[in-house]
Amino acid sequence: MNHLHAPFNNVKARRAVLMAMDQEDYMRAIVGSDDNLWKRLPGFFTPGTPLYTEEGGEILKGPRNLDAAKKLLAESGYNGEPVVCVVAQDLAFVKAQGDVTHDLLKKLGMNVDFIATDWGTVGARRAQKTPPGQGGWNMFHSWHAGADCVNPSSYTAVRANGAGAWFGWPESKEVEDQVTAWFDAPTLDAEKAAIARLNKAALDHVVFAPTGFFQNYQAWRSNVTGIAPAPLPFFWGVSKS
């Protein structure tokens, strides 16, 4: 979500989206009916890693409350302005997310300008800070590799340092204070405490909307050996008999 322009320059509008969205809708749109391939993600860090936390994640848990989300959206001052949602059609898991969001925003009562395009265009357009009606945007969909989301050192999207932040340019002193606290932490317990506070602050501010955690299967022939368990395919050490 773009924090520079209405409606998502108001945290109430951003929180309304979190309150209404159901991560299961997104995950099933991406991976189908295989429950082994997805998890709910009430936070920003990779499940199964040392710093994973659900602190502050209540807004993404439990039954969805569309009426409460609509009320919060109205409190934000939203008055039917177009919401420019730029969605790549040439990446299946991005398109799936965009389709779910399109339906969600309409249920919230938002006026959606759905821009169906390709990933190259999304990549160029998301860098624009101009108003949505002048070549900018309000929403786009993406993904992050789990290996990038284990801590803030490589996780640019969880930062909230304004003009220096990832696309959407969130700005929150509370988030950045906890990033600093993590870098300064002398022990693993101190790291975990800082990340828990960071997760809560990032959800309170809604730096972006996490749609869930999903995985893919990998397959190789029975005569191939040396495949290492890893977050992405590595080809060294591999041999074929």
C-alpha atoms as a PDB file:
ATOM      1  CA  MET A   1       0.000   0.000   0.000  1.00  0.00           C
ATOM      2  CA  ASN A   2       1.183   3.485  -0.877  1.00  0.00           C
ATOM      3  CA  HIS A   3       1.570   5.566   2.287  1.00  0.00           C
ATOM      4  CA  LEU A   4       2.063   8.817   0.372  1.00  0.00           C
ATOM      5  CA  HIS A   5      -1.411   9.209  -1.122  1.00  0.00           C
ATOM      6  CA  ALA A   6      -5.042   8.830  -0.090  1.00  0.00           C
ATOM      7  CA  PRO A   7      -6.661   6.646   0.992  1.00  0.00           C
ATOM      8  CA  PHE A   8      -3.764   4.629   2.409  1.00  0.00           C
ATOM      9  CA  ASN A   9      -1.892   7.626   3.764  1.00  0.00           C
ATOM     10  CA  ASN A  10      -4.334   7.187   6.671  1.00  0.00           C
ATOM     11  CA  VAL A  11      -3.509   4.284   8.981  1.00  0.00           C
ATOM     12  CA  LYS A  12      -7.209   3.618   9.578  1.00  0.00           C
ATOM     13  CA  ALA A  13      -7.678   2.794   5.896  1.00  0.00           C
ATOM     14  CA  ARG A  14      -4.671   0.475   5.959  1.00  0.00           C
ATOM     15  CA  ARG A  15      -5.902  -1.244   9.120  1.00  0.00           C
ATOM     16  CA  ALA A  16      -9.363  -1.638   7.596  1.00  0.00           C
ATOM     17  CA  VAL A  17      -7.799  -3.778   4.872  1.00  0.00           C
ATOM     18  CA  LEU A  18      -6.007  -5.961   7.443  1.00  0.00           C
ATOM     19  CA  MET A  19      -9.194  -6.292   9.466  1.00  0.00           C
ATOM     20  CA  ALA A  20     -11.197  -7.454   6.435  1.00  0.00           C
ATOM     21  CA  MET A  21      -8.701  -9.673   4.624  1.00  0.00           C
ATOM     22  CA  ASP A  22      -8.595 -13.437   5.152  1.00  0.00           C
ATOM     23  CA  GLN A  23      -5.181 -14.911   4.433  1.00  0.00           C
ATOM     24  CA  GLU A  24      -6.764 -18.275   3.655  1.00  0.00           C
ATOM     25  CA  ASP A  25      -8.467 -16.699   0.633  1.00  0.00           C
ATOM     26  CA  TYR A  26      -5.093 -15.557  -0.683  1.00  0.00           C
ATOM     27  CA  MET A  27      -3.271 -18.788   0.039  1.00  0.00           C
ATOM     28  CA  ARG A  28      -5.904 -21.031  -1.527  1.00  0.00           C
ATOM     29  CA  ALA A  29      -5.938 -18.794  -4.593  1.00  0.00           C
ATOM     30  CA  ILE A  30      -2.183 -19.355  -4.891  1.00  0.00           C
ATOM     31  CA  VAL A  31      -1.646 -23.013  -3.916  1.00  0.00           C
ATOM     32  CA  GLY A  32      -5.111 -24.573  -4.124  1.00  0.00           C
ATOM     33  CA  SER A  33      -6.333 -27.176  -1.651  1.00  0.00           C
ATOM     34  CA  ASP A  34      -2.971 -28.537  -0.443  1.00  0.00           C
ATOM     35  CA  ASP A  35      -2.767 -27.450   3.201  1.00  0.00           C
ATOM     36  CA  ASN A  36       0.880 -28.546   3.395  1.00  0.00           C
ATOM     37  CA  LEU A  37       1.884 -25.605   1.223  1.00  0.00           C
ATOM     38  CA  TRP A  38       0.649 -22.632   3.246  1.00  0.00           C
ATOM     39  CA  LYS A  39       0.311 -21.113   6.707  1.00  0.00           C
ATOM     40  CA  ARG A  40      -1.385 -18.082   8.139  1.00  0.00           C
ATOM     41  CA  LEU A  41       1.168 -15.371   8.817  1.00  0.00           C
ATOM     42  CA  PRO A  42       0.081 -12.910  11.529  1.00  0.00           C
ATOM     43  CA  GLY A  43       3.300 -10.980  11.169  1.00  0.00           C
ATOM     44  CA  PHE A  44       6.258 -10.368   8.916  1.00  0.00           C
ATOM     45  CA  PHE A  45       8.977 -12.922   9.697  1.00  0.00           C
ATOM     46  CA  THR A  46       9.526 -16.424   8.333  1.00  0.00           C
ATOM     47  CA  PRO A  47       7.827 -19.278  10.238  1.00  0.00           C
ATOM     48  CA  GLY A  48      10.228 -21.825  11.703  1.00  0.00           C
ATOM     49  CA  THR A  49      13.125 -19.389  12.057  1.00  0.00           C
ATOM     50  CA  PRO A  50      14.564 -18.240  15.419  1.00  0.00           C
ATOM     51  CA  LEU A  51      13.015 -14.755  15.355  1.00  0.00           C
ATOM     52  CA  TYR A  52       9.528 -15.739  14.188  1.00  0.00           C
ATOM     53  CA  THR A  53       6.847 -14.003  16.243  1.00  0.00           C
ATOM     54  CA  GLU A  54       3.123 -13.353  16.131  1.00  0.00           C
ATOM     55  CA  GLU A  55       3.271 -10.425  18.554  1.00  0.00           C
ATOM     56  CA  GLY A  56       0.601  -7.880  17.635  1.00  0.00           C
ATOM     57  CA  GLY A  57      -0.928 -10.208  15.052  1.00  0.00           C
ATOM     58  CA  GLU A  58      -4.446 -10.330  16.482  1.00  0.00           C
ATOM     59  CA  ILE A  59      -5.791  -8.154  13.660  1.00  0.00           C
ATOM     60  CA  LEU A  60      -5.010 -10.970  11.190  1.00  0.00           C
ATOM     61  CA  LYS A  61      -6.380 -13.794  13.360  1.00  0.00           C
ATOM     62  CA  GLY A  62      -9.860 -15.127  13.952  1.00  0.00           C
ATOM     63  CA  PRO A  63     -13.100 -14.466  12.077  1.00  0.00           C
ATOM     64  CA  ARG A  64     -13.052 -11.522   9.702  1.00  0.00           C
ATOM     65  CA  ASN A  65     -15.218  -8.541  10.596  1.00  0.00           C
ATOM     66  CA  LEU A  66     -16.219  -6.759   7.404  1.00  0.00           C
ATOM     67  CA  ASP A  67     -18.666  -4.426   9.154  1.00  0.00           C
ATOM     68  CA  ALA A  68     -16.008  -3.219  11.602  1.00  0.00           C
ATOM     69  CA  ALA A  69     -13.569  -2.786   8.713  1.00  0.00           C
ATOM     70  CA  LYS A  70     -16.114  -0.683   6.801  1.00  0.00           C
ATOM     71  CA  LYS A  71     -16.629   1.479   9.892  1.00  0.00           C
ATOM     72  CA  LEU A  72     -12.890   2.022  10.271  1.00  0.00           C
ATOM     73  CA  LEU A  73     -12.588   2.859   6.571  1.00  0.00           C
ATOM     74  CA  ALA A  74     -15.333   5.473   6.939  1.00  0.00           C
ATOM     75  CA  GLU A  75     -13.490   6.945   9.938  1.00  0.00           C
ATOM     76  CA  SER A  76     -10.422   7.331   7.728  1.00  0.00           C
ATOM     77  CA  GLY A  77     -12.353   9.794   5.566  1.00  0.00           C
ATOM     78  CA  TYR A  78     -12.521   7.598   2.486  1.00  0.00           C
ATOM     79  CA  ASN A  79     -15.178   9.008   0.170  1.00  0.00           C
ATOM     80  CA  GLY A  80     -15.211   6.838  -2.927  1.00  0.00           C
ATOM     81  CA  GLU A  81     -11.939   7.957  -4.496  1.00  0.00           C
ATOM     82  CA  PRO A  82     -10.480   5.523  -7.061  1.00  0.00           C
ATOM     83  CA  VAL A  83      -8.023   3.029  -5.605  1.00  0.00           C
ATOM     84  CA  VAL A  84      -5.444   2.207  -8.274  1.00  0.00           C
ATOM     85  CA  CYS A  85      -4.489  -1.450  -7.902  1.00  0.00           C
ATOM     86  CA  VAL A  86      -1.686  -2.443 -10.298  1.00  0.00           C
ATOM     87  CA  VAL A  87      -1.558  -6.220 -10.785  1.00  0.00           C
ATOM     88  CA  ALA A  88       0.841  -8.291 -12.909  1.00  0.00           C
ATOM     89  CA  GLN A  89      -0.965 -10.945 -14.938  1.00  0.00           C
ATOM     90  CA  ASP A  90       2.156 -12.826 -16.056  1.00  0.00           C
ATOM     91  CA  LEU A  91       3.046 -14.183 -12.587  1.00  0.00           C
ATOM     92  CA  ALA A  92       0.385 -16.615 -11.411  1.00  0.00           C
ATOM     93  CA  PHE A  93       0.837 -16.079  -7.677  1.00  0.00           C
ATOM     94  CA  VAL A  94       0.774 -12.294  -8.092  1.00  0.00           C
ATOM     95  CA  LYS A  95      -2.327 -12.387 -10.286  1.00  0.00           C
ATOM     96  CA  ALA A  96      -4.058 -14.636  -7.728  1.00  0.00           C
ATOM     97  CA  GLN A  97      -3.387 -12.144  -4.936  1.00  0.00           C
ATOM     98  CA  GLY A  98      -4.628  -9.273  -7.072  1.00  0.00           C
ATOM     99  CA  ASP A  99      -7.880 -11.051  -7.875  1.00  0.00           C
ATOM    100  CA  VAL A 100      -8.564 -11.674  -4.175  1.00  0.00           C
ATOM    101  CA  THR A 101      -7.752  -8.067  -3.286  1.00  0.00           C
ATOM    102  CA  HIS A 102      -9.997  -6.749  -6.071  1.00  0.00           C
ATOM    103  CA  ASP A 103     -12.927  -8.651  -4.586  1.00  0.00           C
ATOM    104  CA  LEU A 104     -11.985  -7.631  -1.030  1.00  0.00           C
ATOM    105  CA  LEU A 105     -11.798  -3.913  -1.801  1.00  0.00           C
ATOM    106  CA  LYS A 106     -15.152  -4.009  -3.568  1.00  0.00           C
ATOM    107  CA  LYS A 107     -16.686  -5.697  -0.516  1.00  0.00           C
ATOM    108  CA  LEU A 108     -15.237  -2.897   1.604  1.00  0.00           C
ATOM    109  CA  GLY A 109     -17.034  -0.417  -0.630  1.00  0.00           C
ATOM    110  CA  MET A 110     -13.960   0.957  -2.357  1.00  0.00           C
ATOM    111  CA  ASN A 111     -13.912   2.210  -5.931  1.00  0.00           C
ATOM    112  CA  VAL A 112     -11.247   0.002  -7.530  1.00  0.00           C
ATOM    113  CA  ASP A 113      -9.299   0.993 -10.638  1.00  0.00           C
ATOM    114  CA  PHE A 114      -7.834  -2.422 -11.467  1.00  0.00           C
ATOM    115  CA  ILE A 115      -4.807  -2.127 -13.772  1.00  0.00           C
ATOM    116  CA  ALA A 116      -4.075  -5.553 -15.292  1.00  0.00           C
ATOM    117  CA  THR A 117      -0.559  -5.435 -16.707  1.00  0.00           C
ATOM    118  CA  ASP A 118       2.786  -7.266 -16.732  1.00  0.00           C
ATOM    119  CA  TRP A 119       5.452  -7.520 -14.038  1.00  0.00           C
ATOM    120  CA  GLY A 120       7.851  -5.251 -15.897  1.00  0.00           C
ATOM    121  CA  THR A 121       5.275  -2.464 -15.879  1.00  0.00           C
ATOM    122  CA  VAL A 122       4.518  -3.057 -12.198  1.00  0.00           C
ATOM    123  CA  GLY A 123       8.229  -2.840 -11.438  1.00  0.00           C
ATOM    124  CA  ALA A 124       8.496   0.522 -13.169  1.00  0.00           C
ATOM    125  CA  ARG A 125       5.219   1.979 -11.915  1.00  0.00           C
ATOM    126  CA  ARG A 126       5.698   1.063  -8.250  1.00  0.00           C
ATOM    127  CA  ALA A 127       8.786   3.297  -8.161  1.00  0.00           C
ATOM    128  CA  GLN A 128       6.670   6.342  -9.034  1.00  0.00           C
ATOM    129  CA  LYS A 129       5.706   8.679  -6.191  1.00  0.00           C
ATOM    130  CA  THR A 130       3.300  10.687  -8.333  1.00  0.00           C
ATOM    131  CA  PRO A 131      -0.425  10.647  -7.431  1.00  0.00           C
ATOM    132  CA  PRO A 132      -2.265   7.463  -8.439  1.00  0.00           C
ATOM    133  CA  GLY A 133      -4.230   9.263 -11.149  1.00  0.00           C
ATOM    134  CA  GLN A 134      -1.021  10.612 -12.678  1.00  0.00           C
ATOM    135  CA  GLY A 135       0.851   7.382 -13.287  1.00  0.00           C
ATOM    136  CA  GLY A 136       1.261   6.382  -9.657  1.00  0.00           C
ATOM    137  CA  TRP A 137      -0.518   3.706  -7.658  1.00  0.00           C
ATOM    138  CA  ASN A 138      -2.275   2.812  -4.411  1.00  0.00           C
ATOM    139  CA  MET A 139      -1.618  -0.935  -4.273  1.00  0.00           C
ATOM    140  CA  PHE A 140       0.536  -3.566  -5.911  1.00  0.00           C
ATOM    141  CA  HIS A 141       1.230  -7.199  -5.031  1.00  0.00           C
ATOM    142  CA  SER A 142       4.563  -8.915  -4.648  1.00  0.00           C
ATOM    143  CA  TRP A 143       6.283 -11.654  -2.645  1.00  0.00           C
ATOM    144  CA  HIS A 144       9.394 -12.115  -0.535  1.00  0.00           C
ATOM    145  CA  ALA A 145      11.595 -15.186  -0.260  1.00  0.00           C
ATOM    146  CA  GLY A 146      11.578 -16.702   3.220  1.00  0.00           C
ATOM    147  CA  ALA A 147      15.365 -16.441   3.356  1.00  0.00           C
ATOM    148  CA  ASP A 148      15.062 -12.654   3.072  1.00  0.00           C
ATOM    149  CA  CYS A 149      12.583 -12.353   5.942  1.00  0.00           C
ATOM    150  CA  VAL A 150      14.465 -13.887   8.858  1.00  0.00           C
ATOM    151  CA  ASN A 151      15.698 -10.564  10.288  1.00  0.00           C
ATOM    152  CA  PRO A 152      15.737  -6.844   9.393  1.00  0.00           C
ATOM    153  CA  SER A 153      19.264  -6.819   7.944  1.00  0.00           C
ATOM    154  CA  SER A 154      18.100  -8.044   4.528  1.00  0.00           C
ATOM    155  CA  TYR A 155      14.372  -7.386   4.848  1.00  0.00           C
ATOM    156  CA  THR A 156      13.928  -4.015   3.173  1.00  0.00           C
ATOM    157  CA  ALA A 157      10.122  -4.199   3.031  1.00  0.00           C
ATOM    158  CA  VAL A 158       9.724  -4.221   6.815  1.00  0.00           C
ATOM    159  CA  ARG A 159      11.568  -0.924   7.222  1.00  0.00           C
ATOM    160  CA  ALA A 160       9.657   2.301   7.815  1.00  0.00           C
ATOM    161  CA  ASN A 161      12.212   5.008   7.124  1.00  0.00           C
ATOM    162  CA  GLY A 162      10.099   7.153   4.823  1.00  0.00           C
ATOM    163  CA  ALA A 163      11.810   8.184   1.613  1.00  0.00           C
ATOM    164  CA  GLY A 164      14.458   5.508   2.171  1.00  0.00           C
ATOM    165  CA  ALA A 165      11.916   2.723   2.656  1.00  0.00           C
ATOM    166  CA  TRP A 166      10.704   0.101   0.193  1.00  0.00           C
ATOM    167  CA  PHE A 167       7.953   0.901  -2.328  1.00  0.00           C
ATOM    168  CA  GLY A 168       5.040   2.427  -0.451  1.00  0.00           C
ATOM    169  CA  TRP A 169       7.457   4.504   1.664  1.00  0.00           C
ATOM    170  CA  PRO A 170       6.060   3.876   5.171  1.00  0.00           C
ATOM    171  CA  GLU A 171       7.387   6.075   7.946  1.00  0.00           C
ATOM    172  CA  SER A 172       7.225   5.059  11.608  1.00  0.00           C
ATOM    173  CA  LYS A 173       9.654   5.955  14.382  1.00  0.00           C
ATOM    174  CA  GLU A 174       8.328   3.047  16.460  1.00  0.00           C
ATOM    175  CA  VAL A 175       9.250   0.551  13.744  1.00  0.00           C
ATOM    176  CA  GLU A 176      12.667   2.050  13.110  1.00  0.00           C
ATOM    177  CA  ASP A 177      13.462   2.205  16.845  1.00  0.00           C
ATOM    178  CA  GLN A 178      12.980  -1.556  17.054  1.00  0.00           C
ATOM    179  CA  VAL A 179      15.107  -2.159  13.966  1.00  0.00           C
ATOM    180  CA  THR A 180      17.880  -0.272  15.751  1.00  0.00           C
ATOM    181  CA  ALA A 181      17.210  -2.237  18.946  1.00  0.00           C
ATOM    182  CA  TRP A 182      17.609  -5.487  17.022  1.00  0.00           C
ATOM    183  CA  PHE A 183      20.934  -4.415  15.510  1.00  0.00           C
ATOM    184  CA  ASP A 184      22.131  -3.382  18.990  1.00  0.00           C
ATOM    185  CA  ALA A 185      20.861  -6.506  20.783  1.00  0.00           C
ATOM    186  CA  PRO A 186      23.665  -8.268  22.707  1.00  0.00           C
ATOM    187  CA  THR A 187      21.910 -11.651  23.045  1.00  0.00           C
ATOM    188  CA  LEU A 188      19.442 -13.828  21.152  1.00  0.00           C
ATOM    189  CA  ASP A 189      16.806 -13.166  23.811  1.00  0.00           C
ATOM    190  CA  ALA A 190      17.259  -9.424  23.302  1.00  0.00           C
ATOM    191  CA  GLU A 191      16.962  -9.929  19.537  1.00  0.00           C
ATOM    192  CA  LYS A 192      13.706 -11.839  19.995  1.00  0.00           C
ATOM    193  CA  ALA A 193      12.292  -9.119  22.242  1.00  0.00           C
ATOM    194  CA  ALA A 194      13.181  -6.406  19.723  1.00  0.00           C
ATOM    195  CA  ILE A 195      11.646  -8.369  16.843  1.00  0.00           C
ATOM    196  CA  ALA A 196       8.444  -8.967  18.821  1.00  0.00           C
ATOM    197  CA  ARG A 197       8.131  -5.218  19.393  1.00  0.00           C
ATOM    198  CA  LEU A 198       9.004  -4.575  15.750  1.00  0.00           C
ATOM    199  CA  ASN A 199       6.359  -7.010  14.517  1.00  0.00           C
ATOM    200  CA  LYS A 200       3.698  -5.314  16.636  1.00  0.00           C
ATOM    201  CA  ALA A 201       4.740  -1.815  15.571  1.00  0.00           C
ATOM    202  CA  ALA A 202       4.827  -2.804  11.891  1.00  0.00           C
ATOM    203  CA  LEU A 203       1.325  -4.301  12.119  1.00  0.00           C
ATOM    204  CA  ASP A 204      -0.015  -1.324  14.058  1.00  0.00           C
ATOM    205  CA  HIS A 205       1.349   0.997  11.372  1.00  0.00           C
ATOM    206  CA  VAL A 206       0.644  -1.502   8.537  1.00  0.00           C
ATOM    207  CA  VAL A 207       3.921  -1.094   6.678  1.00  0.00           C
ATOM    208  CA  PHE A 208       2.376  -3.540   4.208  1.00  0.00           C
ATOM    209  CA  ALA A 209      -0.321  -6.239   4.284  1.00  0.00           C
ATOM    210  CA  PRO A 210       1.051  -9.799   4.598  1.00  0.00           C
ATOM    211  CA  THR A 211      -1.170 -12.195   2.653  1.00  0.00           C
ATOM    212  CA  GLY A 212       0.285 -15.403   4.124  1.00  0.00           C
ATOM    213  CA  PHE A 213       3.181 -17.849   3.863  1.00  0.00           C
ATOM    214  CA  PHE A 214       3.353 -20.311   0.988  1.00  0.00           C
ATOM    215  CA  GLN A 215       5.816 -22.855  -0.348  1.00  0.00           C
ATOM    216  CA  ASN A 216       6.316 -24.848  -3.539  1.00  0.00           C
ATOM    217  CA  TYR A 217       7.232 -28.453  -4.116  1.00  0.00           C
ATOM    218  CA  GLN A 218      10.558 -29.316  -5.729  1.00  0.00           C
ATOM    219  CA  ALA A 219      11.079 -32.506  -7.706  1.00  0.00           C
ATOM    220  CA  TRP A 220      14.075 -34.261  -9.209  1.00  0.00           C
ATOM    221  CA  ARG A 221      14.755 -37.585 -10.908  1.00  0.00           C
ATOM    222  CA  SER A 222      15.648 -40.609  -8.803  1.00  0.00           C
ATOM    223  CA  ASN A 223      19.141 -40.762 -10.329  1.00  0.00           C
ATOM    224  CA  VAL A 224      19.982 -37.226  -9.141  1.00  0.00           C
ATOM    225  CA  THR A 225      21.705 -36.944  -5.752  1.00  0.00           C
ATOM    226  CA  GLY A 226      23.205 -34.215  -3.601  1.00  0.00           C
ATOM    227  CA  ILE A 227      20.165 -31.929  -3.523  1.00  0.00           C
ATOM    228  CA  ALA A 228      20.602 -29.797  -0.405  1.00  0.00           C
ATOM    229  CA  PRO A 229      17.622 -28.735   1.742  1.00  0.00           C
ATOM    230  CA  ALA A 230      17.518 -24.996   1.135  1.00  0.00           C
ATOM    231  CA  PRO A 231      15.125 -22.100   0.600  1.00  0.00           C
ATOM    232  CA  LEU A 232      15.946 -22.106  -3.122  1.00  0.00           C
ATOM    233  CA  PRO A 233      17.577 -24.580  -5.543  1.00  0.00           C
ATOM    234  CA  PHE A 234      21.360 -24.844  -5.269  1.00  0.00           C
ATOM    235  CA  PHE A 235      23.116 -26.655  -8.080  1.00  0.00           C
ATOM    236  CA  TRP A 236      26.551 -27.259  -6.593  1.00  0.00           C
ATOM    237  CA  GLY A 237      27.223 -30.686  -5.098  1.00  0.00           C
ATOM    238  CA  VAL A 238      24.609 -32.234  -7.383  1.00  0.00           C
ATOM    239  CA  SER A 239      25.447 -35.348  -9.376  1.00  0.00           C
ATOM    240  CA  LYS A 240      23.656 -37.775 -11.683  1.00  0.00           C
ATOM    241  CA  SER A 241      24.229 -41.509 -11.824  1.00  0.00           C
END
